[in-house]
Amino acid sequence: MGGDLYALDFDGVLCDSCGESSISALKAAKIRWPALFEGVSSELDEWIIDQMRIVSFLVFLQINVLFCRLKFRSISVNPFCYLVSMTSPGRALWLRPVVETGYENLLLVRLLLEIQEPFVRKSSVAEGLTVEAILEKWSELKPVIMKEWDEESSDLITVFGSVRDEWMDKDLSGWIDANRFYPGIADALRFASSAVYIVTTKQSRFADALLRKLAGVTIPAERIYGLGTGPKVEVLKKLQAMPEHQNLKLHFVEDRLTTLKNVIKETALDGWNLYLGNILYLPLPSHFLATAIDDLQAFFTKLSTKFINLQTGRWGYNTEKEREEAKSISRIQLLDLSDFSSKLK
């Protein structure tokens, strides 16, 4: 008896939590280091949040793959397709690709503060540091600032989790609304014929709450491996060793190239098919975003006559450089969002 097992990362594969995690991180940083944030203006708060995203005029086309198809320089649309939506204008991800575990958002917030405010600076790396440099060198910067700030990951995890818990207790709908599942994911999970496991560095209770409240999906607790259940490579070993999984094809979908490379290093995991998230985005000029869209068919017709190129962009928290590297690794397949949703069903 055959079948498929999918081990899925959560943030960046199923859910875009950048908005919620950035806001929670700023709140948690103010609790962890209150003296540093005394007198910090709301404008600087907003700047810090903005640096954890990229400002670009993007429209993400969320298209029902059953009715619509995209072609290079041409878009054909079934009149029954109504699944077009926009992200909040000009917002996508900037610094989120460097974060592997949620508590690192607190480190980013403080580092961004030190970049802007020399009088609170206690790290040796902040002076002259740019956002681009953080993206390139985060794995080197992180241990330096944690040592210089005398911080332990366990303490940051605790304060980050408590801020999220408090937000959920006081304003559950607001916390839920600060997250979003990628288009098609909720239905793909709901109707999946494959065995589905969640393997994430997110705390399990938060992943479970979002699955139930936002996606309307219930995944048994024993199938959610969250923060504290061990490294992902060890979780994959555990899953493949279970007797009920012996005849299943094994698939691991992740948005971080480093994690997939760690899996490749483990010869015991050679049986896993590995995927890195990849999606299409459509960059548009700002004046085009301002155009009123009263009729979807007319909207797509206008797009096709503008000869706007579809370009490879981000599904999940990875960078173009990482995706290019992934193309050179035979074990890793770049997976489009529509293909991913189809595979689960």
C-alpha atoms as a PDB file:
ATOM      1  CA  MET A   1       0.000   0.000   0.000  1.00  0.00           C
ATOM      2  CA  GLY A   2       1.559   3.296  -1.106  1.00  0.00           C
ATOM      3  CA  GLY A   3       0.838   6.946  -0.597  1.00  0.00           C
ATOM      4  CA  ASP A   4       2.576  10.172   0.314  1.00  0.00           C
ATOM      5  CA  LEU A   5       3.708  11.867   3.501  1.00  0.00           C
ATOM      6  CA  TYR A   6       4.300  15.609   3.525  1.00  0.00           C
ATOM      7  CA  ALA A   7       6.336  17.246   6.279  1.00  0.00           C
ATOM      8  CA  LEU A   8       5.598  20.958   5.989  1.00  0.00           C
ATOM      9  CA  ASP A   9       7.271  23.982   7.462  1.00  0.00           C
ATOM     10  CA  PHE A  10       4.719  26.489   8.768  1.00  0.00           C
ATOM     11  CA  ASP A  11       5.899  30.106   8.472  1.00  0.00           C
ATOM     12  CA  GLY A  12       6.812  30.804   4.872  1.00  0.00           C
ATOM     13  CA  VAL A  13       5.240  27.615   3.502  1.00  0.00           C
ATOM     14  CA  LEU A  14       1.706  27.597   4.864  1.00  0.00           C
ATOM     15  CA  CYS A  15       1.390  30.964   6.557  1.00  0.00           C
ATOM     16  CA  ASP A  16       2.764  34.478   6.136  1.00  0.00           C
ATOM     17  CA  SER A  17       3.191  35.676   9.716  1.00  0.00           C
ATOM     18  CA  CYS A  18       5.536  38.575   8.984  1.00  0.00           C
ATOM     19  CA  GLY A  19       3.042  41.243  10.065  1.00  0.00           C
ATOM     20  CA  GLU A  20       2.211  39.597  13.378  1.00  0.00           C
ATOM     21  CA  SER A  21       5.756  38.539  14.241  1.00  0.00           C
ATOM     22  CA  SER A  22       7.154  42.021  13.530  1.00  0.00           C
ATOM     23  CA  ILE A  23       4.582  43.741  15.751  1.00  0.00           C
ATOM     24  CA  SER A  24       4.989  41.128  18.502  1.00  0.00           C
ATOM     25  CA  ALA A  25       8.774  41.446  18.323  1.00  0.00           C
ATOM     26  CA  LEU A  26       8.644  45.221  18.783  1.00  0.00           C
ATOM     27  CA  LYS A  27       6.343  44.843  21.804  1.00  0.00           C
ATOM     28  CA  ALA A  28       8.576  42.126  23.266  1.00  0.00           C
ATOM     29  CA  ALA A  29      11.749  44.149  22.686  1.00  0.00           C
ATOM     30  CA  LYS A  30      10.279  47.051  24.657  1.00  0.00           C
ATOM     31  CA  ILE A  31       9.577  44.675  27.538  1.00  0.00           C
ATOM     32  CA  ARG A  32      12.987  43.014  27.370  1.00  0.00           C
ATOM     33  CA  TRP A  33      14.979  46.263  27.054  1.00  0.00           C
ATOM     34  CA  PRO A  34      12.704  49.044  28.370  1.00  0.00           C
ATOM     35  CA  ALA A  35      15.501  51.543  29.033  1.00  0.00           C
ATOM     36  CA  LEU A  36      16.677  51.389  25.425  1.00  0.00           C
ATOM     37  CA  PHE A  37      13.240  52.308  24.105  1.00  0.00           C
ATOM     38  CA  GLU A  38      12.578  55.233  26.448  1.00  0.00           C
ATOM     39  CA  GLY A  39      11.812  58.280  24.356  1.00  0.00           C
ATOM     40  CA  VAL A  40      11.762  56.348  21.083  1.00  0.00           C
ATOM     41  CA  SER A  41       9.257  58.006  18.756  1.00  0.00           C
ATOM     42  CA  SER A  42       6.348  56.309  17.048  1.00  0.00           C
ATOM     43  CA  GLU A  43       7.992  57.262  13.749  1.00  0.00           C
ATOM     44  CA  LEU A  44      11.056  55.211  14.657  1.00  0.00           C
ATOM     45  CA  ASP A  45       8.801  52.328  15.708  1.00  0.00           C
ATOM     46  CA  GLU A  46       7.218  52.428  12.259  1.00  0.00           C
ATOM     47  CA  TRP A  47      10.623  52.613  10.587  1.00  0.00           C
ATOM     48  CA  ILE A  48      11.767  49.496  12.442  1.00  0.00           C
ATOM     49  CA  ILE A  49       8.667  47.592  11.345  1.00  0.00           C
ATOM     50  CA  ASP A  50       9.097  48.811   7.773  1.00  0.00           C
ATOM     51  CA  GLN A  51      12.679  47.566   7.616  1.00  0.00           C
ATOM     52  CA  MET A  52      11.410  44.063   8.275  1.00  0.00           C
ATOM     53  CA  ARG A  53       9.535  44.322   4.983  1.00  0.00           C
ATOM     54  CA  ILE A  54      10.401  45.512   1.495  1.00  0.00           C
ATOM     55  CA  VAL A  55       8.658  48.552   0.062  1.00  0.00           C
ATOM     56  CA  SER A  56       7.793  47.712  -3.505  1.00  0.00           C
ATOM     57  CA  PHE A  57       4.744  48.074  -5.692  1.00  0.00           C
ATOM     58  CA  LEU A  58       3.646  44.452  -5.861  1.00  0.00           C
ATOM     59  CA  VAL A  59       0.337  42.882  -6.569  1.00  0.00           C
ATOM     60  CA  PHE A  60       0.155  39.214  -5.674  1.00  0.00           C
ATOM     61  CA  LEU A  61      -2.243  37.390  -7.950  1.00  0.00           C
ATOM     62  CA  GLN A  62      -4.057  34.783  -5.914  1.00  0.00           C
ATOM     63  CA  ILE A  63      -5.492  32.654  -8.669  1.00  0.00           C
ATOM     64  CA  ASN A  64      -7.663  29.571  -8.471  1.00  0.00           C
ATOM     65  CA  VAL A  65      -5.673  27.037 -10.477  1.00  0.00           C
ATOM     66  CA  LEU A  66      -8.827  25.158 -11.418  1.00  0.00           C
ATOM     67  CA  PHE A  67     -10.172  28.057 -13.469  1.00  0.00           C
ATOM     68  CA  CYS A  68      -7.267  30.345 -14.323  1.00  0.00           C
ATOM     69  CA  ARG A  69      -3.913  30.038 -16.024  1.00  0.00           C
ATOM     70  CA  LEU A  70      -1.019  32.432 -16.368  1.00  0.00           C
ATOM     71  CA  LYS A  71       1.110  32.752 -19.496  1.00  0.00           C
ATOM     72  CA  PHE A  72       4.270  34.717 -20.048  1.00  0.00           C
ATOM     73  CA  ARG A  73       3.165  38.135 -21.393  1.00  0.00           C
ATOM     74  CA  SER A  74      -0.368  36.839 -21.639  1.00  0.00           C
ATOM     75  CA  ILE A  75      -3.096  36.123 -19.111  1.00  0.00           C
ATOM     76  CA  SER A  76      -6.185  34.072 -19.836  1.00  0.00           C
ATOM     77  CA  VAL A  77      -8.949  34.136 -17.254  1.00  0.00           C
ATOM     78  CA  ASN A  78     -12.091  32.104 -16.826  1.00  0.00           C
ATOM     79  CA  PRO A  79     -15.011  34.438 -16.005  1.00  0.00           C
ATOM     80  CA  PHE A  80     -15.768  32.351 -12.912  1.00  0.00           C
ATOM     81  CA  CYS A  81     -12.416  33.209 -11.357  1.00  0.00           C
ATOM     82  CA  TYR A  82     -12.820  35.748  -8.570  1.00  0.00           C
ATOM     83  CA  LEU A  83      -9.753  35.004  -6.508  1.00  0.00           C
ATOM     84  CA  VAL A  84      -7.744  38.135  -7.164  1.00  0.00           C
ATOM     85  CA  SER A  85      -6.571  40.024  -4.115  1.00  0.00           C
ATOM     86  CA  MET A  86      -3.913  42.518  -3.176  1.00  0.00           C
ATOM     87  CA  THR A  87      -1.528  42.660  -0.323  1.00  0.00           C
ATOM     88  CA  SER A  88      -1.519  45.911   1.608  1.00  0.00           C
ATOM     89  CA  PRO A  89      -0.022  48.383  -0.893  1.00  0.00           C
ATOM     90  CA  GLY A  90       3.691  48.131  -1.299  1.00  0.00           C
ATOM     91  CA  ARG A  91       4.366  45.628   1.444  1.00  0.00           C
ATOM     92  CA  ALA A  92       6.214  42.357   1.168  1.00  0.00           C
ATOM     93  CA  LEU A  93       9.078  40.869   3.129  1.00  0.00           C
ATOM     94  CA  TRP A  94      12.482  42.434   3.716  1.00  0.00           C
ATOM     95  CA  LEU A  95      14.396  41.132   6.716  1.00  0.00           C
ATOM     96  CA  ARG A  96      12.119  38.155   7.421  1.00  0.00           C
ATOM     97  CA  PRO A  97      14.229  35.780   5.248  1.00  0.00           C
ATOM     98  CA  VAL A  98      17.041  35.794   7.847  1.00  0.00           C
ATOM     99  CA  VAL A  99      14.823  34.627  10.709  1.00  0.00           C
ATOM    100  CA  GLU A 100      14.881  30.911  11.443  1.00  0.00           C
ATOM    101  CA  THR A 101      13.245  30.995  14.882  1.00  0.00           C
ATOM    102  CA  GLY A 102      10.774  33.647  16.032  1.00  0.00           C
ATOM    103  CA  TYR A 103      12.845  35.065  18.886  1.00  0.00           C
ATOM    104  CA  GLU A 104      15.406  36.310  16.341  1.00  0.00           C
ATOM    105  CA  ASN A 105      12.893  39.024  15.446  1.00  0.00           C
ATOM    106  CA  LEU A 106      13.663  40.643  18.819  1.00  0.00           C
ATOM    107  CA  LEU A 107      17.347  40.734  17.932  1.00  0.00           C
ATOM    108  CA  LEU A 108      16.532  42.378  14.608  1.00  0.00           C
ATOM    109  CA  VAL A 109      14.396  45.022  16.314  1.00  0.00           C
ATOM    110  CA  ARG A 110      17.154  45.951  18.752  1.00  0.00           C
ATOM    111  CA  LEU A 111      19.830  45.915  16.062  1.00  0.00           C
ATOM    112  CA  LEU A 112      17.748  48.240  13.881  1.00  0.00           C
ATOM    113  CA  LEU A 113      17.305  50.539  16.883  1.00  0.00           C
ATOM    114  CA  GLU A 114      21.069  50.626  17.439  1.00  0.00           C
ATOM    115  CA  ILE A 115      21.632  51.434  13.773  1.00  0.00           C
ATOM    116  CA  GLN A 116      19.403  54.507  14.091  1.00  0.00           C
ATOM    117  CA  GLU A 117      20.219  55.596  17.656  1.00  0.00           C
ATOM    118  CA  PRO A 118      23.970  55.609  18.453  1.00  0.00           C
ATOM    119  CA  PHE A 119      23.362  56.604  22.093  1.00  0.00           C
ATOM    120  CA  VAL A 120      21.821  53.166  22.860  1.00  0.00           C
ATOM    121  CA  ARG A 121      24.425  51.256  20.860  1.00  0.00           C
ATOM    122  CA  LYS A 122      26.105  48.398  22.729  1.00  0.00           C
ATOM    123  CA  SER A 123      27.101  46.140  19.863  1.00  0.00           C
ATOM    124  CA  SER A 124      30.276  46.409  17.832  1.00  0.00           C
ATOM    125  CA  VAL A 125      28.500  45.729  14.524  1.00  0.00           C
ATOM    126  CA  ALA A 126      25.719  48.345  14.364  1.00  0.00           C
ATOM    127  CA  GLU A 127      27.710  51.351  13.164  1.00  0.00           C
ATOM    128  CA  GLY A 128      27.400  51.685   9.397  1.00  0.00           C
ATOM    129  CA  LEU A 129      25.395  48.463   9.130  1.00  0.00           C
ATOM    130  CA  THR A 130      22.785  48.295   6.355  1.00  0.00           C
ATOM    131  CA  VAL A 131      19.704  46.144   5.896  1.00  0.00           C
ATOM    132  CA  GLU A 132      21.384  44.486   2.918  1.00  0.00           C
ATOM    133  CA  ALA A 133      24.373  43.570   5.094  1.00  0.00           C
ATOM    134  CA  ILE A 134      22.072  42.035   7.706  1.00  0.00           C
ATOM    135  CA  LEU A 135      20.522  39.858   4.995  1.00  0.00           C
ATOM    136  CA  GLU A 136      23.932  38.724   3.804  1.00  0.00           C
ATOM    137  CA  LYS A 137      25.654  38.217   7.158  1.00  0.00           C
ATOM    138  CA  TRP A 138      22.956  37.397   9.709  1.00  0.00           C
ATOM    139  CA  SER A 139      24.468  34.015  10.604  1.00  0.00           C
ATOM    140  CA  GLU A 140      27.685  35.837  11.533  1.00  0.00           C
ATOM    141  CA  LEU A 141      26.031  38.813  13.235  1.00  0.00           C
ATOM    142  CA  LYS A 142      23.627  36.873  15.437  1.00  0.00           C
ATOM    143  CA  PRO A 143      26.164  35.167  17.762  1.00  0.00           C
ATOM    144  CA  VAL A 144      28.131  38.417  18.083  1.00  0.00           C
ATOM    145  CA  ILE A 145      25.208  40.539  19.227  1.00  0.00           C
ATOM    146  CA  MET A 146      23.831  37.849  21.527  1.00  0.00           C
ATOM    147  CA  LYS A 147      27.194  37.651  23.276  1.00  0.00           C
ATOM    148  CA  GLU A 148      27.637  41.424  23.465  1.00  0.00           C
ATOM    149  CA  TRP A 149      24.092  41.898  24.752  1.00  0.00           C
ATOM    150  CA  ASP A 150      24.466  38.935  27.139  1.00  0.00           C
ATOM    151  CA  GLU A 151      21.282  37.277  25.905  1.00  0.00           C
ATOM    152  CA  GLU A 152      20.129  33.659  25.917  1.00  0.00           C
ATOM    153  CA  SER A 153      17.718  32.314  23.325  1.00  0.00           C
ATOM    154  CA  SER A 154      15.538  30.681  26.000  1.00  0.00           C
ATOM    155  CA  ASP A 155      14.869  34.047  27.662  1.00  0.00           C
ATOM    156  CA  LEU A 156      13.962  35.686  24.352  1.00  0.00           C
ATOM    157  CA  ILE A 157      11.681  32.775  23.429  1.00  0.00           C
ATOM    158  CA  THR A 158       9.855  33.187  26.742  1.00  0.00           C
ATOM    159  CA  VAL A 159       9.212  36.917  26.408  1.00  0.00           C
ATOM    160  CA  PHE A 160       8.263  36.598  22.726  1.00  0.00           C
ATOM    161  CA  GLY A 161       5.790  33.825  23.530  1.00  0.00           C
ATOM    162  CA  SER A 162       4.276  35.722  26.463  1.00  0.00           C
ATOM    163  CA  VAL A 163       3.635  38.792  24.284  1.00  0.00           C
ATOM    164  CA  ARG A 164       1.852  36.638  21.720  1.00  0.00           C
ATOM    165  CA  ASP A 165      -0.167  34.893  24.443  1.00  0.00           C
ATOM    166  CA  GLU A 166      -1.253  38.231  25.900  1.00  0.00           C
ATOM    167  CA  TRP A 167      -2.227  39.552  22.469  1.00  0.00           C
ATOM    168  CA  MET A 168      -4.265  36.404  21.812  1.00  0.00           C
ATOM    169  CA  ASP A 169      -5.972  36.624  25.216  1.00  0.00           C
ATOM    170  CA  LYS A 170      -6.909  40.288  24.830  1.00  0.00           C
ATOM    171  CA  ASP A 171      -7.570  40.475  21.085  1.00  0.00           C
ATOM    172  CA  LEU A 172      -7.688  37.066  19.422  1.00  0.00           C
ATOM    173  CA  SER A 173      -9.278  38.347  16.215  1.00  0.00           C
ATOM    174  CA  GLY A 174      -6.631  41.070  15.908  1.00  0.00           C
ATOM    175  CA  TRP A 175      -3.823  38.555  16.373  1.00  0.00           C
ATOM    176  CA  ILE A 176      -5.371  36.177  13.843  1.00  0.00           C
ATOM    177  CA  ASP A 177      -5.898  38.976  11.301  1.00  0.00           C
ATOM    178  CA  ALA A 178      -2.219  39.946  11.483  1.00  0.00           C
ATOM    179  CA  ASN A 179      -1.423  36.603   9.813  1.00  0.00           C
ATOM    180  CA  ARG A 180      -2.522  35.153   6.483  1.00  0.00           C
ATOM    181  CA  PHE A 181      -2.375  31.756   4.838  1.00  0.00           C
ATOM    182  CA  TYR A 182      -1.047  31.680   1.305  1.00  0.00           C
ATOM    183  CA  PRO A 183      -3.765  31.364  -1.364  1.00  0.00           C
ATOM    184  CA  GLY A 184      -5.092  27.837  -1.799  1.00  0.00           C
ATOM    185  CA  ILE A 185      -3.292  26.459   1.259  1.00  0.00           C
ATOM    186  CA  ALA A 186      -6.332  26.145   3.532  1.00  0.00           C
ATOM    187  CA  ASP A 187      -8.305  24.120   0.973  1.00  0.00           C
ATOM    188  CA  ALA A 188      -5.262  22.006   0.122  1.00  0.00           C
ATOM    189  CA  LEU A 189      -4.836  21.076   3.788  1.00  0.00           C
ATOM    190  CA  ARG A 190      -8.546  20.549   4.318  1.00  0.00           C
ATOM    191  CA  PHE A 191      -8.889  18.101   1.428  1.00  0.00           C
ATOM    192  CA  ALA A 192      -5.410  16.533   1.535  1.00  0.00           C
ATOM    193  CA  SER A 193      -5.314  12.832   0.721  1.00  0.00           C
ATOM    194  CA  SER A 194      -1.677  12.597   1.858  1.00  0.00           C
ATOM    195  CA  ALA A 195      -0.457  12.244   5.433  1.00  0.00           C
ATOM    196  CA  VAL A 196       0.402  15.777   6.600  1.00  0.00           C
ATOM    197  CA  TYR A 197       2.765  16.744   9.411  1.00  0.00           C
ATOM    198  CA  ILE A 198       3.822  20.228  10.500  1.00  0.00           C
ATOM    199  CA  VAL A 199       7.546  20.569  11.240  1.00  0.00           C
ATOM    200  CA  THR A 200       8.277  24.092  12.422  1.00  0.00           C
ATOM    201  CA  THR A 201      10.374  26.239  14.729  1.00  0.00           C
ATOM    202  CA  LYS A 202       7.169  28.072  15.676  1.00  0.00           C
ATOM    203  CA  GLN A 203       5.709  27.204  19.063  1.00  0.00           C
ATOM    204  CA  SER A 204       3.093  24.513  18.481  1.00  0.00           C
ATOM    205  CA  ARG A 205       0.244  26.330  20.228  1.00  0.00           C
ATOM    206  CA  PHE A 206       0.506  29.280  17.846  1.00  0.00           C
ATOM    207  CA  ALA A 207       0.614  27.086  14.737  1.00  0.00           C
ATOM    208  CA  ASP A 208      -2.393  25.124  16.005  1.00  0.00           C
ATOM    209  CA  ALA A 209      -4.388  28.288  16.754  1.00  0.00           C
ATOM    210  CA  LEU A 210      -3.780  29.695  13.271  1.00  0.00           C
ATOM    211  CA  LEU A 211      -4.645  26.412  11.575  1.00  0.00           C
ATOM    212  CA  ARG A 212      -7.938  26.162  13.452  1.00  0.00           C
ATOM    213  CA  LYS A 213      -9.015  29.807  13.614  1.00  0.00           C
ATOM    214  CA  LEU A 214      -7.681  31.197  10.334  1.00  0.00           C
ATOM    215  CA  ALA A 215      -7.527  28.212   7.976  1.00  0.00           C
ATOM    216  CA  GLY A 216     -10.385  26.224   9.498  1.00  0.00           C
ATOM    217  CA  VAL A 217      -8.191  23.120   9.597  1.00  0.00           C
ATOM    218  CA  THR A 218      -7.617  20.747  12.498  1.00  0.00           C
ATOM    219  CA  ILE A 219      -4.360  18.798  12.504  1.00  0.00           C
ATOM    220  CA  PRO A 220      -3.929  16.397  15.443  1.00  0.00           C
ATOM    221  CA  ALA A 221      -1.489  17.615  18.085  1.00  0.00           C
ATOM    222  CA  GLU A 222       0.723  14.564  17.575  1.00  0.00           C
ATOM    223  CA  ARG A 223       1.273  15.667  13.973  1.00  0.00           C
ATOM    224  CA  ILE A 224       2.530  19.145  14.875  1.00  0.00           C
ATOM    225  CA  TYR A 225       6.238  19.218  15.719  1.00  0.00           C
ATOM    226  CA  GLY A 226       6.947  22.711  16.995  1.00  0.00           C
ATOM    227  CA  LEU A 227       9.682  24.537  18.865  1.00  0.00           C
ATOM    228  CA  GLY A 228      11.216  22.280  21.500  1.00  0.00           C
ATOM    229  CA  THR A 229      10.570  18.979  19.704  1.00  0.00           C
ATOM    230  CA  GLY A 230      14.113  18.847  18.335  1.00  0.00           C
ATOM    231  CA  PRO A 231      15.953  19.856  15.149  1.00  0.00           C
ATOM    232  CA  LYS A 232      14.054  19.315  11.924  1.00  0.00           C
ATOM    233  CA  VAL A 233      16.504  16.675  10.711  1.00  0.00           C
ATOM    234  CA  GLU A 234      15.772  14.630  13.835  1.00  0.00           C
ATOM    235  CA  VAL A 235      12.018  15.036  13.394  1.00  0.00           C
ATOM    236  CA  LEU A 236      12.310  13.762   9.809  1.00  0.00           C
ATOM    237  CA  LYS A 237      14.266  10.739  11.030  1.00  0.00           C
ATOM    238  CA  LYS A 238      11.548  10.055  13.584  1.00  0.00           C
ATOM    239  CA  LEU A 239       8.788  10.312  10.981  1.00  0.00           C
ATOM    240  CA  GLN A 240      10.462   7.994   8.490  1.00  0.00           C
ATOM    241  CA  ALA A 241      11.088   5.390  11.205  1.00  0.00           C
ATOM    242  CA  MET A 242       7.414   5.073  12.161  1.00  0.00           C
ATOM    243  CA  PRO A 243       6.017   1.678  11.062  1.00  0.00           C
ATOM    244  CA  GLU A 244       2.925   3.232   9.473  1.00  0.00           C
ATOM    245  CA  HIS A 245       5.135   5.323   7.172  1.00  0.00           C
ATOM    246  CA  GLN A 246       7.310   2.563   5.743  1.00  0.00           C
ATOM    247  CA  ASN A 247       5.595   2.368   2.346  1.00  0.00           C
ATOM    248  CA  LEU A 248       5.002   6.082   1.874  1.00  0.00           C
ATOM    249  CA  LYS A 249       6.852   8.491  -0.397  1.00  0.00           C
ATOM    250  CA  LEU A 250       8.429  11.154   1.807  1.00  0.00           C
ATOM    251  CA  HIS A 251       8.308  14.871   0.956  1.00  0.00           C
ATOM    252  CA  PHE A 252       9.696  17.823   2.927  1.00  0.00           C
ATOM    253  CA  VAL A 253       8.637  21.358   1.941  1.00  0.00           C
ATOM    254  CA  GLU A 254      10.693  24.181   3.435  1.00  0.00           C
ATOM    255  CA  ASP A 255      11.307  27.833   2.603  1.00  0.00           C
ATOM    256  CA  ARG A 256      14.834  28.006   4.036  1.00  0.00           C
ATOM    257  CA  LEU A 257      17.674  26.712   1.894  1.00  0.00           C
ATOM    258  CA  THR A 258      19.960  26.232   4.908  1.00  0.00           C
ATOM    259  CA  THR A 259      17.511  23.770   6.439  1.00  0.00           C
ATOM    260  CA  LEU A 260      17.318  21.734   3.235  1.00  0.00           C
ATOM    261  CA  LYS A 261      21.114  21.662   2.995  1.00  0.00           C
ATOM    262  CA  ASN A 262      21.248  20.320   6.553  1.00  0.00           C
ATOM    263  CA  VAL A 263      18.907  17.514   5.514  1.00  0.00           C
ATOM    264  CA  ILE A 264      21.144  16.669   2.547  1.00  0.00           C
ATOM    265  CA  LYS A 265      24.114  16.273   4.909  1.00  0.00           C
ATOM    266  CA  GLU A 266      22.282  13.454   6.697  1.00  0.00           C
ATOM    267  CA  THR A 267      22.667  10.309   4.587  1.00  0.00           C
ATOM    268  CA  ALA A 268      19.944   8.672   6.669  1.00  0.00           C
ATOM    269  CA  LEU A 269      17.507  11.130   5.065  1.00  0.00           C
ATOM    270  CA  ASP A 270      18.402  10.345   1.452  1.00  0.00           C
ATOM    271  CA  GLY A 271      14.898   9.008   0.869  1.00  0.00           C
ATOM    272  CA  TRP A 272      13.229  12.393   1.298  1.00  0.00           C
ATOM    273  CA  ASN A 273      12.140  14.505  -1.669  1.00  0.00           C
ATOM    274  CA  LEU A 274      13.114  18.099  -0.883  1.00  0.00           C
ATOM    275  CA  TYR A 275      11.340  21.257  -2.045  1.00  0.00           C
ATOM    276  CA  LEU A 276      12.065  24.970  -1.743  1.00  0.00           C
ATOM    277  CA  GLY A 277       9.096  27.336  -2.052  1.00  0.00           C
ATOM    278  CA  ASN A 278       8.854  29.427  -5.229  1.00  0.00           C
ATOM    279  CA  ILE A 279       5.980  31.612  -6.542  1.00  0.00           C
ATOM    280  CA  LEU A 280       5.122  34.104  -9.278  1.00  0.00           C
ATOM    281  CA  TYR A 281       4.662  37.768  -8.557  1.00  0.00           C
ATOM    282  CA  LEU A 282       3.694  40.621 -10.791  1.00  0.00           C
ATOM    283  CA  PRO A 283       5.481  43.948 -10.267  1.00  0.00           C
ATOM    284  CA  LEU A 284       3.370  46.902 -11.335  1.00  0.00           C
ATOM    285  CA  PRO A 285       3.980  50.659 -11.379  1.00  0.00           C
ATOM    286  CA  SER A 286       2.230  52.688  -8.693  1.00  0.00           C
ATOM    287  CA  HIS A 287      -0.124  54.449 -11.115  1.00  0.00           C
ATOM    288  CA  PHE A 288      -1.415  51.060 -12.222  1.00  0.00           C
ATOM    289  CA  LEU A 289      -2.209  50.092  -8.640  1.00  0.00           C
ATOM    290  CA  ALA A 290      -4.375  53.180  -8.348  1.00  0.00           C
ATOM    291  CA  THR A 291      -6.576  52.089 -11.235  1.00  0.00           C
ATOM    292  CA  ALA A 292     -10.070  51.201 -10.101  1.00  0.00           C
ATOM    293  CA  ILE A 293     -10.841  47.530 -10.660  1.00  0.00           C
ATOM    294  CA  ASP A 294     -14.584  47.292 -11.150  1.00  0.00           C
ATOM    295  CA  ASP A 295     -14.534  44.379 -13.559  1.00  0.00           C
ATOM    296  CA  LEU A 296     -12.082  41.500 -13.121  1.00  0.00           C
ATOM    297  CA  GLN A 297     -12.268  40.410 -16.744  1.00  0.00           C
ATOM    298  CA  ALA A 298     -11.410  43.944 -17.887  1.00  0.00           C
ATOM    299  CA  PHE A 299      -8.611  44.048 -15.314  1.00  0.00           C
ATOM    300  CA  PHE A 300      -6.932  40.945 -16.693  1.00  0.00           C
ATOM    301  CA  THR A 301      -7.445  42.117 -20.254  1.00  0.00           C
ATOM    302  CA  LYS A 302      -5.682  45.341 -19.339  1.00  0.00           C
ATOM    303  CA  LEU A 303      -2.827  43.375 -17.804  1.00  0.00           C
ATOM    304  CA  SER A 304      -2.353  41.272 -20.918  1.00  0.00           C
ATOM    305  CA  THR A 305      -2.237  44.345 -23.163  1.00  0.00           C
ATOM    306  CA  LYS A 306       0.403  45.983 -20.980  1.00  0.00           C
ATOM    307  CA  PHE A 307       2.925  43.229 -21.818  1.00  0.00           C
ATOM    308  CA  ILE A 308       4.012  42.993 -18.201  1.00  0.00           C
ATOM    309  CA  ASN A 309       6.461  40.167 -17.613  1.00  0.00           C
ATOM    310  CA  LEU A 310       5.793  37.570 -14.967  1.00  0.00           C
ATOM    311  CA  GLN A 311       8.908  37.103 -12.884  1.00  0.00           C
ATOM    312  CA  THR A 312       9.976  34.530 -10.365  1.00  0.00           C
ATOM    313  CA  GLY A 313       9.432  35.924  -6.882  1.00  0.00           C
ATOM    314  CA  ARG A 314       8.973  34.745  -3.294  1.00  0.00           C
ATOM    315  CA  TRP A 315       6.643  32.253  -1.753  1.00  0.00           C
ATOM    316  CA  GLY A 316       8.047  32.042   1.704  1.00  0.00           C
ATOM    317  CA  TYR A 317      11.007  33.668   3.357  1.00  0.00           C
ATOM    318  CA  ASN A 318      13.938  33.089   1.027  1.00  0.00           C
ATOM    319  CA  THR A 319      16.006  35.301  -1.231  1.00  0.00           C
ATOM    320  CA  GLU A 320      16.690  35.297  -4.953  1.00  0.00           C
ATOM    321  CA  LYS A 321      20.300  34.350  -4.256  1.00  0.00           C
ATOM    322  CA  GLU A 322      19.167  31.295  -2.287  1.00  0.00           C
ATOM    323  CA  ARG A 323      16.760  30.237  -5.024  1.00  0.00           C
ATOM    324  CA  GLU A 324      19.512  30.493  -7.619  1.00  0.00           C
ATOM    325  CA  GLU A 325      21.764  28.331  -5.445  1.00  0.00           C
ATOM    326  CA  ALA A 326      18.960  25.812  -4.969  1.00  0.00           C
ATOM    327  CA  LYS A 327      18.720  25.375  -8.738  1.00  0.00           C
ATOM    328  CA  SER A 328      22.265  23.998  -8.723  1.00  0.00           C
ATOM    329  CA  ILE A 329      21.508  21.346  -6.070  1.00  0.00           C
ATOM    330  CA  SER A 330      20.088  18.187  -7.628  1.00  0.00           C
ATOM    331  CA  ARG A 331      18.265  17.035  -4.478  1.00  0.00           C
ATOM    332  CA  ILE A 332      16.214  20.231  -4.238  1.00  0.00           C
ATOM    333  CA  GLN A 333      13.216  21.055  -6.401  1.00  0.00           C
ATOM    334  CA  LEU A 334      11.787  24.572  -6.674  1.00  0.00           C
ATOM    335  CA  LEU A 335       8.076  24.239  -6.010  1.00  0.00           C
ATOM    336  CA  ASP A 336       5.439  26.715  -7.174  1.00  0.00           C
ATOM    337  CA  LEU A 337       2.540  27.438  -4.858  1.00  0.00           C
ATOM    338  CA  SER A 338      -0.114  26.138  -7.260  1.00  0.00           C
ATOM    339  CA  ASP A 339       1.817  22.882  -7.771  1.00  0.00           C
ATOM    340  CA  PHE A 340       2.251  22.504  -4.029  1.00  0.00           C
ATOM    341  CA  SER A 341      -1.478  22.878  -3.389  1.00  0.00           C
ATOM    342  CA  SER A 342      -2.215  20.315  -6.106  1.00  0.00           C
ATOM    343  CA  LYS A 343       0.254  17.807  -4.671  1.00  0.00           C
ATOM    344  CA  LEU A 344      -1.459  17.761  -1.281  1.00  0.00           C
ATOM    345  CA  LYS A 345      -4.911  17.052  -2.711  1.00  0.00           C
END
